[in-house]
Amino acid sequence: MELERGEADVKALKKCVDKLRRGEVVLLFPEGTRTRTGEIGPVKPGVFLMSAKAGVPVIPAAVEGSLKSWPRGRMLPGITEIRIAYGEPIQPPEGGGASYRGMAEVLRARLEKLREKLR
């Protein structure tokens, strides 16, 4: 399932929350797009909206090597080493929009630390 970029895709958000409530795993890329530079971009707060609605934590995961494997503009990925580091769960915030934005910054900082471990 793919979210509509640049707008609130309520139908997709509800599907994700339903899956999370059933105990399924949902993989999200909280930046909303692939990086052009390899750096972590701004994290969108929607990941914490879903986390809070479903009552589940967010598990940070940093990926290193994917830009080399599949840069923008290339039709298919190449064969390269890709490393992933997982962080401690982040519990859903209480309080709505401002809390979600604050937690998005927390997630971004944790992703940066995880990436450092991969280098």
PDB file of N, CA and C in Angstrom:
ATOM      1  N   MET A   1       0.851  -1.171   0.000  1.00  0.00           N
ATOM      2  CA  MET A   1       0.000   0.000   0.000  1.00  0.00           C
ATOM      3  C   MET A   1       0.895   1.232   0.000  1.00  0.00           C
ATOM      4  N   GLU A   2       0.546   2.190  -0.762  1.00  0.00           N
ATOM      5  CA  GLU A   2       1.330   3.415  -0.857  1.00  0.00           C
ATOM      6  C   GLU A   2       0.457   4.599  -0.472  1.00  0.00           C
ATOM      7  N   LEU A   3       1.026   5.495   0.309  1.00  0.00           N
ATOM      8  CA  LEU A   3       0.303   6.700   0.708  1.00  0.00           C
ATOM      9  C   LEU A   3       0.365   7.738  -0.392  1.00  0.00           C
ATOM     10  N   GLU A   4      -0.664   8.554  -0.492  1.00  0.00           N
ATOM     11  CA  GLU A   4      -0.638   9.694  -1.405  1.00  0.00           C
ATOM     12  C   GLU A   4       0.282  10.735  -0.803  1.00  0.00           C
ATOM     13  N   ARG A   5       1.279  11.152  -1.545  1.00  0.00           N
ATOM     14  CA  ARG A   5       2.241  12.128  -1.042  1.00  0.00           C
ATOM     15  C   ARG A   5       1.633  13.517  -1.010  1.00  0.00           C
ATOM     16  N   GLY A   6       2.055  14.278   0.028  1.00  0.00           N
ATOM     17  CA  GLY A   6       1.675  15.676   0.110  1.00  0.00           C
ATOM     18  C   GLY A   6       0.281  15.946   0.627  1.00  0.00           C
ATOM     19  N   GLU A   7      -0.418  14.920   1.033  1.00  0.00           N
ATOM     20  CA  GLU A   7      -1.760  15.134   1.583  1.00  0.00           C
ATOM     21  C   GLU A   7      -2.066  14.037   2.601  1.00  0.00           C
ATOM     22  N   ALA A   8      -3.069  14.282   3.397  1.00  0.00           N
ATOM     23  CA  ALA A   8      -3.474  13.290   4.394  1.00  0.00           C
ATOM     24  C   ALA A   8      -4.291  12.211   3.694  1.00  0.00           C
ATOM     25  N   ASP A   9      -3.754  11.036   3.566  1.00  0.00           N
ATOM     26  CA  ASP A   9      -4.431   9.913   2.936  1.00  0.00           C
ATOM     27  C   ASP A   9      -5.142   9.137   4.043  1.00  0.00           C
ATOM     28  N   VAL A  10      -6.333   9.597   4.402  1.00  0.00           N
ATOM     29  CA  VAL A  10      -7.061   9.056   5.548  1.00  0.00           C
ATOM     30  C   VAL A  10      -7.355   7.569   5.390  1.00  0.00           C
ATOM     31  N   LYS A  11      -7.694   7.149   4.204  1.00  0.00           N
ATOM     32  CA  LYS A  11      -8.005   5.737   3.963  1.00  0.00           C
ATOM     33  C   LYS A  11      -6.781   4.861   4.244  1.00  0.00           C
ATOM     34  N   ALA A  12      -5.627   5.270   3.750  1.00  0.00           N
ATOM     35  CA  ALA A  12      -4.398   4.498   3.974  1.00  0.00           C
ATOM     36  C   ALA A  12      -4.007   4.524   5.449  1.00  0.00           C
ATOM     37  N   LEU A  13      -4.162   5.672   6.102  1.00  0.00           N
ATOM     38  CA  LEU A  13      -3.850   5.766   7.523  1.00  0.00           C
ATOM     39  C   LEU A  13      -4.721   4.806   8.336  1.00  0.00           C
ATOM     40  N   LYS A  14      -6.002   4.763   8.017  1.00  0.00           N
ATOM     41  CA  LYS A  14      -6.915   3.858   8.729  1.00  0.00           C
ATOM     42  C   LYS A  14      -6.533   2.399   8.508  1.00  0.00           C
ATOM     43  N   LYS A  15      -6.139   2.058   7.270  1.00  0.00           N
ATOM     44  CA  LYS A  15      -5.715   0.683   6.994  1.00  0.00           C
ATOM     45  C   LYS A  15      -4.486   0.316   7.823  1.00  0.00           C
ATOM     46  N   CYS A  16      -3.540   1.233   7.912  1.00  0.00           N
ATOM     47  CA  CYS A  16      -2.334   0.978   8.707  1.00  0.00           C
ATOM     48  C   CYS A  16      -2.685   0.787  10.176  1.00  0.00           C
ATOM     49  N   VAL A  17      -3.525   1.653  10.711  1.00  0.00           N
ATOM     50  CA  VAL A  17      -3.920   1.549  12.116  1.00  0.00           C
ATOM     51  C   VAL A  17      -4.638   0.228  12.363  1.00  0.00           C
ATOM     52  N   ASP A  18      -5.520  -0.180  11.455  1.00  0.00           N
ATOM     53  CA  ASP A  18      -6.225  -1.452  11.599  1.00  0.00           C
ATOM     54  C   ASP A  18      -5.238  -2.621  11.628  1.00  0.00           C
ATOM     55  N   LYS A  19      -4.271  -2.601  10.738  1.00  0.00           N
ATOM     56  CA  LYS A  19      -3.268  -3.667  10.708  1.00  0.00           C
ATOM     57  C   LYS A  19      -2.474  -3.704  12.023  1.00  0.00           C
ATOM     58  N   LEU A  20      -2.060  -2.545  12.490  1.00  0.00           N
ATOM     59  CA  LEU A  20      -1.296  -2.480  13.743  1.00  0.00           C
ATOM     60  C   LEU A  20      -2.119  -3.002  14.912  1.00  0.00           C
ATOM     61  N   ARG A  21      -3.384  -2.658  14.960  1.00  0.00           N
ATOM     62  CA  ARG A  21      -4.253  -3.140  16.041  1.00  0.00           C
ATOM     63  C   ARG A  21      -4.428  -4.653  16.012  1.00  0.00           C
ATOM     64  N   ARG A  22      -4.314  -5.249  14.818  1.00  0.00           N
ATOM     65  CA  ARG A  22      -4.424  -6.711  14.693  1.00  0.00           C
ATOM     66  C   ARG A  22      -3.093  -7.404  14.973  1.00  0.00           C
ATOM     67  N   GLY A  23      -2.072  -6.621  15.315  1.00  0.00           N
ATOM     68  CA  GLY A  23      -0.777  -7.200  15.626  1.00  0.00           C
ATOM     69  C   GLY A  23       0.129  -7.377  14.432  1.00  0.00           C
ATOM     70  N   GLU A  24      -0.262  -6.851  13.289  1.00  0.00           N
ATOM     71  CA  GLU A  24       0.576  -6.947  12.094  1.00  0.00           C
ATOM     72  C   GLU A  24       1.658  -5.876  12.140  1.00  0.00           C
ATOM     73  N   VAL A  25       2.706  -6.101  11.381  1.00  0.00           N
ATOM     74  CA  VAL A  25       3.807  -5.153  11.276  1.00  0.00           C
ATOM     75  C   VAL A  25       3.561  -4.253  10.070  1.00  0.00           C
ATOM     76  N   VAL A  26       3.791  -2.968  10.249  1.00  0.00           N
ATOM     77  CA  VAL A  26       3.670  -2.003   9.156  1.00  0.00           C
ATOM     78  C   VAL A  26       5.013  -1.299   9.019  1.00  0.00           C
ATOM     79  N   LEU A  27       5.585  -1.375   7.834  1.00  0.00           N
ATOM     80  CA  LEU A  27       6.853  -0.713   7.558  1.00  0.00           C
ATOM     81  C   LEU A  27       6.563   0.653   6.952  1.00  0.00           C
ATOM     82  N   LEU A  28       7.085   1.686   7.599  1.00  0.00           N
ATOM     83  CA  LEU A  28       6.895   3.052   7.111  1.00  0.00           C
ATOM     84  C   LEU A  28       8.245   3.712   6.920  1.00  0.00           C
ATOM     85  N   PHE A  29       8.354   4.536   5.928  1.00  0.00           N
ATOM     86  CA  PHE A  29       9.526   5.374   5.743  1.00  0.00           C
ATOM     87  C   PHE A  29       9.092   6.775   6.141  1.00  0.00           C
ATOM     88  N   PRO A  30       9.405   7.173   7.381  1.00  0.00           N
ATOM     89  CA  PRO A  30       8.803   8.384   7.950  1.00  0.00           C
ATOM     90  C   PRO A  30       9.238   9.695   7.299  1.00  0.00           C
ATOM     91  N   GLU A  31      10.218   9.637   6.399  1.00  0.00           N
ATOM     92  CA  GLU A  31      10.586  10.853   5.681  1.00  0.00           C
ATOM     93  C   GLU A  31       9.630  11.096   4.511  1.00  0.00           C
ATOM     94  N   GLY A  32       8.945  10.045   4.077  1.00  0.00           N
ATOM     95  CA  GLY A  32       7.966  10.184   3.013  1.00  0.00           C
ATOM     96  C   GLY A  32       8.541  10.099   1.611  1.00  0.00           C
ATOM     97  N   THR A  33       9.853   9.939   1.490  1.00  0.00           N
ATOM     98  CA  THR A  33      10.478   9.842   0.177  1.00  0.00           C
ATOM     99  C   THR A  33      11.880   9.276   0.329  1.00  0.00           C
ATOM    100  N   ARG A  34      12.453   8.856  -0.787  1.00  0.00           N
ATOM    101  CA  ARG A  34      13.843   8.392  -0.765  1.00  0.00           C
ATOM    102  C   ARG A  34      14.768   9.599  -0.759  1.00  0.00           C
ATOM    103  N   THR A  35      15.888   9.428  -0.130  1.00  0.00           N
ATOM    104  CA  THR A  35      16.861  10.502  -0.044  1.00  0.00           C
ATOM    105  C   THR A  35      17.584  10.702  -1.376  1.00  0.00           C
ATOM    106  N   ARG A  36      17.931  11.925  -1.671  1.00  0.00           N
ATOM    107  CA  ARG A  36      18.741  12.226  -2.851  1.00  0.00           C
ATOM    108  C   ARG A  36      20.228  12.269  -2.490  1.00  0.00           C
ATOM    109  N   THR A  37      20.529  12.452  -1.202  1.00  0.00           N
ATOM    110  CA  THR A  37      21.909  12.667  -0.758  1.00  0.00           C
ATOM    111  C   THR A  37      22.442  11.570   0.149  1.00  0.00           C
ATOM    112  N   GLY A  38      21.587  10.727   0.660  1.00  0.00           N
ATOM    113  CA  GLY A  38      22.003   9.721   1.629  1.00  0.00           C
ATOM    114  C   GLY A  38      21.797  10.175   3.066  1.00  0.00           C
ATOM    115  N   GLU A  39      21.479  11.441   3.247  1.00  0.00           N
ATOM    116  CA  GLU A  39      21.230  11.973   4.587  1.00  0.00           C
ATOM    117  C   GLU A  39      19.769  11.760   4.982  1.00  0.00           C
ATOM    118  N   ILE A  40      19.516  11.717   6.278  1.00  0.00           N
ATOM    119  CA  ILE A  40      18.155  11.578   6.783  1.00  0.00           C
ATOM    120  C   ILE A  40      17.479  12.938   6.698  1.00  0.00           C
ATOM    121  N   GLY A  41      16.328  12.967   6.070  1.00  0.00           N
ATOM    122  CA  GLY A  41      15.579  14.214   5.924  1.00  0.00           C
ATOM    123  C   GLY A  41      14.621  14.417   7.079  1.00  0.00           C
ATOM    124  N   PRO A  42      13.787  15.444   6.992  1.00  0.00           N
ATOM    125  CA  PRO A  42      12.787  15.683   8.031  1.00  0.00           C
ATOM    126  C   PRO A  42      11.822  14.496   8.147  1.00  0.00           C
ATOM    127  N   VAL A  43      11.530  14.113   9.369  1.00  0.00           N
ATOM    128  CA  VAL A  43      10.607  13.005   9.629  1.00  0.00           C
ATOM    129  C   VAL A  43       9.197  13.586   9.777  1.00  0.00           C
ATOM    130  N   LYS A  44       8.267  12.988   9.073  1.00  0.00           N
ATOM    131  CA  LYS A  44       6.870  13.449   9.139  1.00  0.00           C
ATOM    132  C   LYS A  44       6.199  12.878  10.390  1.00  0.00           C
ATOM    133  N   PRO A  45       5.343  13.652  11.031  1.00  0.00           N
ATOM    134  CA  PRO A  45       4.741  13.217  12.299  1.00  0.00           C
ATOM    135  C   PRO A  45       3.658  12.151  12.170  1.00  0.00           C
ATOM    136  N   GLY A  46       3.227  11.832  10.945  1.00  0.00           N
ATOM    137  CA  GLY A  46       2.147  10.862  10.759  1.00  0.00           C
ATOM    138  C   GLY A  46       2.434   9.493  11.347  1.00  0.00           C
ATOM    139  N   VAL A  47       3.710   9.110  11.399  1.00  0.00           N
ATOM    140  CA  VAL A  47       4.071   7.819  11.977  1.00  0.00           C
ATOM    141  C   VAL A  47       3.626   7.753  13.438  1.00  0.00           C
ATOM    142  N   PHE A  48       3.697   8.882  14.146  1.00  0.00           N
ATOM    143  CA  PHE A  48       3.284   8.887  15.547  1.00  0.00           C
ATOM    144  C   PHE A  48       1.778   9.044  15.707  1.00  0.00           C
ATOM    145  N   LEU A  49       1.115   9.622  14.740  1.00  0.00           N
ATOM    146  CA  LEU A  49      -0.351   9.639  14.742  1.00  0.00           C
ATOM    147  C   LEU A  49      -0.848   8.201  14.693  1.00  0.00           C
ATOM    148  N   MET A  50      -0.294   7.410  13.768  1.00  0.00           N
ATOM    149  CA  MET A  50      -0.696   5.999  13.648  1.00  0.00           C
ATOM    150  C   MET A  50      -0.319   5.214  14.898  1.00  0.00           C
ATOM    151  N   SER A  51       0.877   5.458  15.411  1.00  0.00           N
ATOM    152  CA  SER A  51       1.344   4.774  16.612  1.00  0.00           C
ATOM    153  C   SER A  51       0.397   5.022  17.785  1.00  0.00           C
ATOM    154  N   ALA A  52       0.015   6.281  17.960  1.00  0.00           N
ATOM    155  CA  ALA A  52      -0.870   6.642  19.070  1.00  0.00           C
ATOM    156  C   ALA A  52      -2.262   6.040  18.888  1.00  0.00           C
ATOM    157  N   LYS A  53      -2.790   6.114  17.667  1.00  0.00           N
ATOM    158  CA  LYS A  53      -4.143   5.580  17.410  1.00  0.00           C
ATOM    159  C   LYS A  53      -4.193   4.069  17.630  1.00  0.00           C
ATOM    160  N   ALA A  54      -3.105   3.377  17.275  1.00  0.00           N
ATOM    161  CA  ALA A  54      -3.078   1.922  17.412  1.00  0.00           C
ATOM    162  C   ALA A  54      -2.577   1.470  18.776  1.00  0.00           C
ATOM    163  N   GLY A  55      -1.934   2.385  19.523  1.00  0.00           N
ATOM    164  CA  GLY A  55      -1.403   2.024  20.831  1.00  0.00           C
ATOM    165  C   GLY A  55      -0.196   1.114  20.747  1.00  0.00           C
ATOM    166  N   VAL A  56       0.644   1.333  19.739  1.00  0.00           N
ATOM    167  CA  VAL A  56       1.843   0.514  19.553  1.00  0.00           C
ATOM    168  C   VAL A  56       3.070   1.418  19.456  1.00  0.00           C
ATOM    169  N   PRO A  57       4.240   0.890  19.813  1.00  0.00           N
ATOM    170  CA  PRO A  57       5.461   1.706  19.703  1.00  0.00           C
ATOM    171  C   PRO A  57       5.975   1.769  18.273  1.00  0.00           C
ATOM    172  N   VAL A  58       6.858   2.722  18.049  1.00  0.00           N
ATOM    173  CA  VAL A  58       7.590   2.838  16.787  1.00  0.00           C
ATOM    174  C   VAL A  58       8.967   2.225  17.021  1.00  0.00           C
ATOM    175  N   ILE A  59       9.391   1.352  16.129  1.00  0.00           N
ATOM    176  CA  ILE A  59      10.722   0.748  16.216  1.00  0.00           C
ATOM    177  C   ILE A  59      11.600   1.435  15.167  1.00  0.00           C
ATOM    178  N   PRO A  60      12.552   2.261  15.607  1.00  0.00           N
ATOM    179  CA  PRO A  60      13.421   2.937  14.634  1.00  0.00           C
ATOM    180  C   PRO A  60      14.326   1.932  13.917  1.00  0.00           C
ATOM    181  N   ALA A  61      14.514   2.144  12.628  1.00  0.00           N
ATOM    182  CA  ALA A  61      15.426   1.312  11.849  1.00  0.00           C
ATOM    183  C   ALA A  61      16.157   2.208  10.855  1.00  0.00           C
ATOM    184  N   ALA A  62      17.475   2.204  10.939  1.00  0.00           N
ATOM    185  CA  ALA A  62      18.293   2.979  10.004  1.00  0.00           C
ATOM    186  C   ALA A  62      18.833   2.030   8.945  1.00  0.00           C
ATOM    187  N   VAL A  63      18.801   2.480   7.702  1.00  0.00           N
ATOM    188  CA  VAL A  63      19.261   1.682   6.574  1.00  0.00           C
ATOM    189  C   VAL A  63      20.451   2.399   5.936  1.00  0.00           C
ATOM    190  N   GLU A  64      21.526   1.678   5.740  1.00  0.00           N
ATOM    191  CA  GLU A  64      22.725   2.239   5.113  1.00  0.00           C
ATOM    192  C   GLU A  64      23.053   1.409   3.883  1.00  0.00           C
ATOM    193  N   GLY A  65      23.286   2.057   2.760  1.00  0.00           N
ATOM    194  CA  GLY A  65      23.665   1.375   1.525  1.00  0.00           C
ATOM    195  C   GLY A  65      22.587   1.363   0.466  1.00  0.00           C
ATOM    196  N   SER A  66      21.380   1.744   0.822  1.00  0.00           N
ATOM    197  CA  SER A  66      20.299   1.677  -0.160  1.00  0.00           C
ATOM    198  C   SER A  66      20.440   2.731  -1.256  1.00  0.00           C
ATOM    199  N   LEU A  67      21.035   3.879  -0.936  1.00  0.00           N
ATOM    200  CA  LEU A  67      21.225   4.912  -1.965  1.00  0.00           C
ATOM    201  C   LEU A  67      22.159   4.405  -3.058  1.00  0.00           C
ATOM    202  N   LYS A  68      23.205   3.710  -2.656  1.00  0.00           N
ATOM    203  CA  LYS A  68      24.134   3.158  -3.642  1.00  0.00           C
ATOM    204  C   LYS A  68      23.461   2.053  -4.452  1.00  0.00           C
ATOM    205  N   SER A  69      22.624   1.263  -3.792  1.00  0.00           N
ATOM    206  CA  SER A  69      21.948   0.162  -4.455  1.00  0.00           C
ATOM    207  C   SER A  69      20.878   0.633  -5.437  1.00  0.00           C
ATOM    208  N   TRP A  70      20.115   1.643  -5.026  1.00  0.00           N
ATOM    209  CA  TRP A  70      18.983   2.046  -5.858  1.00  0.00           C
ATOM    210  C   TRP A  70      18.789   3.558  -5.817  1.00  0.00           C
ATOM    211  N   PRO A  71      19.698   4.291  -6.453  1.00  0.00           N
ATOM    212  CA  PRO A  71      19.549   5.755  -6.460  1.00  0.00           C
ATOM    213  C   PRO A  71      18.360   6.181  -7.315  1.00  0.00           C
ATOM    214  N   ARG A  72      17.892   7.369  -7.059  1.00  0.00           N
ATOM    215  CA  ARG A  72      16.800   7.918  -7.867  1.00  0.00           C
ATOM    216  C   ARG A  72      17.225   7.929  -9.333  1.00  0.00           C
ATOM    217  N   GLY A  73      16.293   7.613 -10.195  1.00  0.00           N
ATOM    218  CA  GLY A  73      16.570   7.616 -11.621  1.00  0.00           C
ATOM    219  C   GLY A  73      16.949   6.254 -12.179  1.00  0.00           C
ATOM    220  N   ARG A  74      17.372   5.353 -11.334  1.00  0.00           N
ATOM    221  CA  ARG A  74      17.718   4.009 -11.804  1.00  0.00           C
ATOM    222  C   ARG A  74      16.453   3.159 -11.794  1.00  0.00           C
ATOM    223  N   MET A  75      16.239   2.402 -12.863  1.00  0.00           N
ATOM    224  CA  MET A  75      15.017   1.594 -12.987  1.00  0.00           C
ATOM    225  C   MET A  75      14.966   0.438 -11.983  1.00  0.00           C
ATOM    226  N   LEU A  76      16.105  -0.243 -11.800  1.00  0.00           N
ATOM    227  CA  LEU A  76      16.138  -1.395 -10.906  1.00  0.00           C
ATOM    228  C   LEU A  76      17.305  -1.263  -9.935  1.00  0.00           C
ATOM    229  N   PRO A  77      17.206  -1.892  -8.772  1.00  0.00           N
ATOM    230  CA  PRO A  77      18.321  -1.805  -7.813  1.00  0.00           C
ATOM    231  C   PRO A  77      19.522  -2.611  -8.287  1.00  0.00           C
ATOM    232  N   GLY A  78      20.689  -2.192  -7.823  1.00  0.00           N
ATOM    233  CA  GLY A  78      21.914  -2.937  -8.072  1.00  0.00           C
ATOM    234  C   GLY A  78      22.222  -3.830  -6.886  1.00  0.00           C
ATOM    235  N   ILE A  79      23.283  -4.595  -7.010  1.00  0.00           N
ATOM    236  CA  ILE A  79      23.683  -5.497  -5.927  1.00  0.00           C
ATOM    237  C   ILE A  79      24.773  -4.805  -5.115  1.00  0.00           C
ATOM    238  N   THR A  80      24.446  -4.463  -3.900  1.00  0.00           N
ATOM    239  CA  THR A  80      25.385  -3.839  -2.971  1.00  0.00           C
ATOM    240  C   THR A  80      25.055  -4.306  -1.562  1.00  0.00           C
ATOM    241  N   GLU A  81      25.968  -4.050  -0.649  1.00  0.00           N
ATOM    242  CA  GLU A  81      25.722  -4.378   0.757  1.00  0.00           C
ATOM    243  C   GLU A  81      24.772  -3.349   1.355  1.00  0.00           C
ATOM    244  N   ILE A  82      23.779  -3.821   2.052  1.00  0.00           N
ATOM    245  CA  ILE A  82      22.851  -2.949   2.775  1.00  0.00           C
ATOM    246  C   ILE A  82      22.848  -3.405   4.223  1.00  0.00           C
ATOM    247  N   ARG A  83      23.024  -2.450   5.127  1.00  0.00           N
ATOM    248  CA  ARG A  83      23.047  -2.739   6.557  1.00  0.00           C
ATOM    249  C   ARG A  83      21.877  -2.033   7.231  1.00  0.00           C
ATOM    250  N   ILE A  84      21.322  -2.693   8.245  1.00  0.00           N
ATOM    251  CA  ILE A  84      20.185  -2.141   8.985  1.00  0.00           C
ATOM    252  C   ILE A  84      20.487  -2.233  10.473  1.00  0.00           C
ATOM    253  N   ALA A  85      20.209  -1.157  11.188  1.00  0.00           N
ATOM    254  CA  ALA A  85      20.343  -1.142  12.649  1.00  0.00           C
ATOM    255  C   ALA A  85      18.992  -0.770  13.247  1.00  0.00           C
ATOM    256  N   TYR A  86      18.581  -1.498  14.264  1.00  0.00           N
ATOM    257  CA  TYR A  86      17.305  -1.256  14.933  1.00  0.00           C
ATOM    258  C   TYR A  86      17.550  -0.608  16.285  1.00  0.00           C
ATOM    259  N   GLY A  87      16.676   0.316  16.658  1.00  0.00           N
ATOM    260  CA  GLY A  87      16.786   0.991  17.940  1.00  0.00           C
ATOM    261  C   GLY A  87      15.715   0.539  18.916  1.00  0.00           C
ATOM    262  N   GLU A  88      15.785   1.096  20.091  1.00  0.00           N
ATOM    263  CA  GLU A  88      14.803   0.802  21.132  1.00  0.00           C
ATOM    264  C   GLU A  88      13.431   1.365  20.728  1.00  0.00           C
ATOM    265  N   PRO A  89      12.360   0.679  21.111  1.00  0.00           N
ATOM    266  CA  PRO A  89      11.017   1.169  20.780  1.00  0.00           C
ATOM    267  C   PRO A  89      10.752   2.557  21.373  1.00  0.00           C
ATOM    268  N   ILE A  90      10.003   3.344  20.637  1.00  0.00           N
ATOM    269  CA  ILE A  90       9.558   4.661  21.103  1.00  0.00           C
ATOM    270  C   ILE A  90       8.058   4.560  21.322  1.00  0.00           C
ATOM    271  N   GLN A  91       7.628   4.767  22.556  1.00  0.00           N
ATOM    272  CA  GLN A  91       6.207   4.664  22.886  1.00  0.00           C
ATOM    273  C   GLN A  91       5.424   5.821  22.263  1.00  0.00           C
ATOM    274  N   PRO A  92       4.162   5.578  21.916  1.00  0.00           N
ATOM    275  CA  PRO A  92       3.369   6.649  21.304  1.00  0.00           C
ATOM    276  C   PRO A  92       3.150   7.809  22.270  1.00  0.00           C
ATOM    277  N   PRO A  93       3.180   9.022  21.754  1.00  0.00           N
ATOM    278  CA  PRO A  93       2.987  10.191  22.611  1.00  0.00           C
ATOM    279  C   PRO A  93       1.510  10.418  22.925  1.00  0.00           C
ATOM    280  N   GLU A  94       1.286  11.196  23.947  1.00  0.00           N
ATOM    281  CA  GLU A  94      -0.072  11.644  24.277  1.00  0.00           C
ATOM    282  C   GLU A  94      -0.148  13.128  23.964  1.00  0.00           C
ATOM    283  N   GLY A  95      -1.279  13.579  23.513  1.00  0.00           N
ATOM    284  CA  GLY A  95      -1.430  15.020  23.369  1.00  0.00           C
ATOM    285  C   GLY A  95      -1.624  15.553  21.972  1.00  0.00           C
ATOM    286  N   GLY A  96      -1.558  14.743  20.952  1.00  0.00           N
ATOM    287  CA  GLY A  96      -1.892  15.217  19.627  1.00  0.00           C
ATOM    288  C   GLY A  96      -0.753  15.809  18.827  1.00  0.00           C
ATOM    289  N   GLY A  97      -1.106  16.702  17.888  1.00  0.00           N
ATOM    290  CA  GLY A  97      -0.221  17.212  16.861  1.00  0.00           C
ATOM    291  C   GLY A  97       1.134  17.713  17.316  1.00  0.00           C
ATOM    292  N   ALA A  98       1.176  18.572  18.319  1.00  0.00           N
ATOM    293  CA  ALA A  98       2.459  19.101  18.781  1.00  0.00           C
ATOM    294  C   ALA A  98       3.332  17.977  19.329  1.00  0.00           C
ATOM    295  N   SER A  99       2.727  17.033  20.030  1.00  0.00           N
ATOM    296  CA  SER A  99       3.476  15.884  20.550  1.00  0.00           C
ATOM    297  C   SER A  99       4.019  15.036  19.416  1.00  0.00           C
ATOM    298  N   TYR A 100       3.231  14.846  18.366  1.00  0.00           N
ATOM    299  CA  TYR A 100       3.670  14.046  17.226  1.00  0.00           C
ATOM    300  C   TYR A 100       4.859  14.703  16.540  1.00  0.00           C
ATOM    301  N   ARG A 101       4.802  16.017  16.392  1.00  0.00           N
ATOM    302  CA  ARG A 101       5.922  16.739  15.759  1.00  0.00           C
ATOM    303  C   ARG A 101       7.183  16.631  16.626  1.00  0.00           C
ATOM    304  N   GLY A 102       7.023  16.751  17.925  1.00  0.00           N
ATOM    305  CA  GLY A 102       8.165  16.613  18.826  1.00  0.00           C
ATOM    306  C   GLY A 102       8.765  15.223  18.768  1.00  0.00           C
ATOM    307  N   MET A 103       7.916  14.205  18.705  1.00  0.00           N
ATOM    308  CA  MET A 103       8.405  12.838  18.636  1.00  0.00           C
ATOM    309  C   MET A 103       9.062  12.551  17.292  1.00  0.00           C
ATOM    310  N   ALA A 104       8.613  13.229  16.245  1.00  0.00           N
ATOM    311  CA  ALA A 104       9.256  13.075  14.938  1.00  0.00           C
ATOM    312  C   ALA A 104      10.714  13.529  15.020  1.00  0.00           C
ATOM    313  N   GLU A 105      10.973  14.589  15.777  1.00  0.00           N
ATOM    314  CA  GLU A 105      12.356  15.051  15.967  1.00  0.00           C
ATOM    315  C   GLU A 105      13.161  14.057  16.797  1.00  0.00           C
ATOM    316  N   VAL A 106      12.521  13.467  17.799  1.00  0.00           N
ATOM    317  CA  VAL A 106      13.183  12.433  18.606  1.00  0.00           C
ATOM    318  C   VAL A 106      13.562  11.249  17.711  1.00  0.00           C
ATOM    319  N   LEU A 107      12.631  10.822  16.857  1.00  0.00           N
ATOM    320  CA  LEU A 107      12.888   9.707  15.957  1.00  0.00           C
ATOM    321  C   LEU A 107      14.046  10.034  15.012  1.00  0.00           C
ATOM    322  N   ARG A 108      14.045  11.231  14.459  1.00  0.00           N
ATOM    323  CA  ARG A 108      15.118  11.622  13.539  1.00  0.00           C
ATOM    324  C   ARG A 108      16.476  11.556  14.241  1.00  0.00           C
ATOM    325  N   ALA A 109      16.549  12.056  15.466  1.00  0.00           N
ATOM    326  CA  ALA A 109      17.808  12.026  16.224  1.00  0.00           C
ATOM    327  C   ALA A 109      18.257  10.584  16.474  1.00  0.00           C
ATOM    328  N   ARG A 110      17.314   9.722  16.788  1.00  0.00           N
ATOM    329  CA  ARG A 110      17.669   8.314  17.029  1.00  0.00           C
ATOM    330  C   ARG A 110      18.134   7.637  15.748  1.00  0.00           C
ATOM    331  N   LEU A 111      17.507   7.975  14.629  1.00  0.00           N
ATOM    332  CA  LEU A 111      17.931   7.410  13.353  1.00  0.00           C
ATOM    333  C   LEU A 111      19.354   7.844  13.014  1.00  0.00           C
ATOM    334  N   GLU A 112      19.667   9.091  13.306  1.00  0.00           N
ATOM    335  CA  GLU A 112      21.038   9.584  13.057  1.00  0.00           C
ATOM    336  C   GLU A 112      22.045   8.794  13.893  1.00  0.00           C
ATOM    337  N   LYS A 113      21.735   8.536  15.147  1.00  0.00           N
ATOM    338  CA  LYS A 113      22.640   7.777  16.010  1.00  0.00           C
ATOM    339  C   LYS A 113      22.811   6.330  15.499  1.00  0.00           C
ATOM    340  N   LEU A 114      21.722   5.749  15.052  1.00  0.00           N
ATOM    341  CA  LEU A 114      21.785   4.387  14.508  1.00  0.00           C
ATOM    342  C   LEU A 114      22.643   4.349  13.250  1.00  0.00           C
ATOM    343  N   ARG A 115      22.521   5.365  12.398  1.00  0.00           N
ATOM    344  CA  ARG A 115      23.328   5.419  11.180  1.00  0.00           C
ATOM    345  C   ARG A 115      24.813   5.502  11.506  1.00  0.00           C
ATOM    346  N   GLU A 116      25.143   6.224  12.567  1.00  0.00           N
ATOM    347  CA  GLU A 116      26.550   6.337  12.967  1.00  0.00           C
ATOM    348  C   GLU A 116      27.119   4.958  13.316  1.00  0.00           C
ATOM    349  N   LYS A 117      26.306   4.112  13.915  1.00  0.00           N
ATOM    350  CA  LYS A 117      26.749   2.757  14.256  1.00  0.00           C
ATOM    351  C   LYS A 117      27.038   1.925  13.002  1.00  0.00           C
ATOM    352  N   LEU A 118      26.364   2.248  11.919  1.00  0.00           N
ATOM    353  CA  LEU A 118      26.506   1.487  10.677  1.00  0.00           C
ATOM    354  C   LEU A 118      27.716   1.907   9.857  1.00  0.00           C
ATOM    355  N   ARG A 119      28.261   3.062  10.151  1.00  0.00           N
ATOM    356  CA  ARG A 119      29.385   3.588   9.342  1.00  0.00           C
ATOM    357  C   ARG A 119      30.699   3.054   9.800  1.00  0.00           C
TER     358      ARG A 119
END
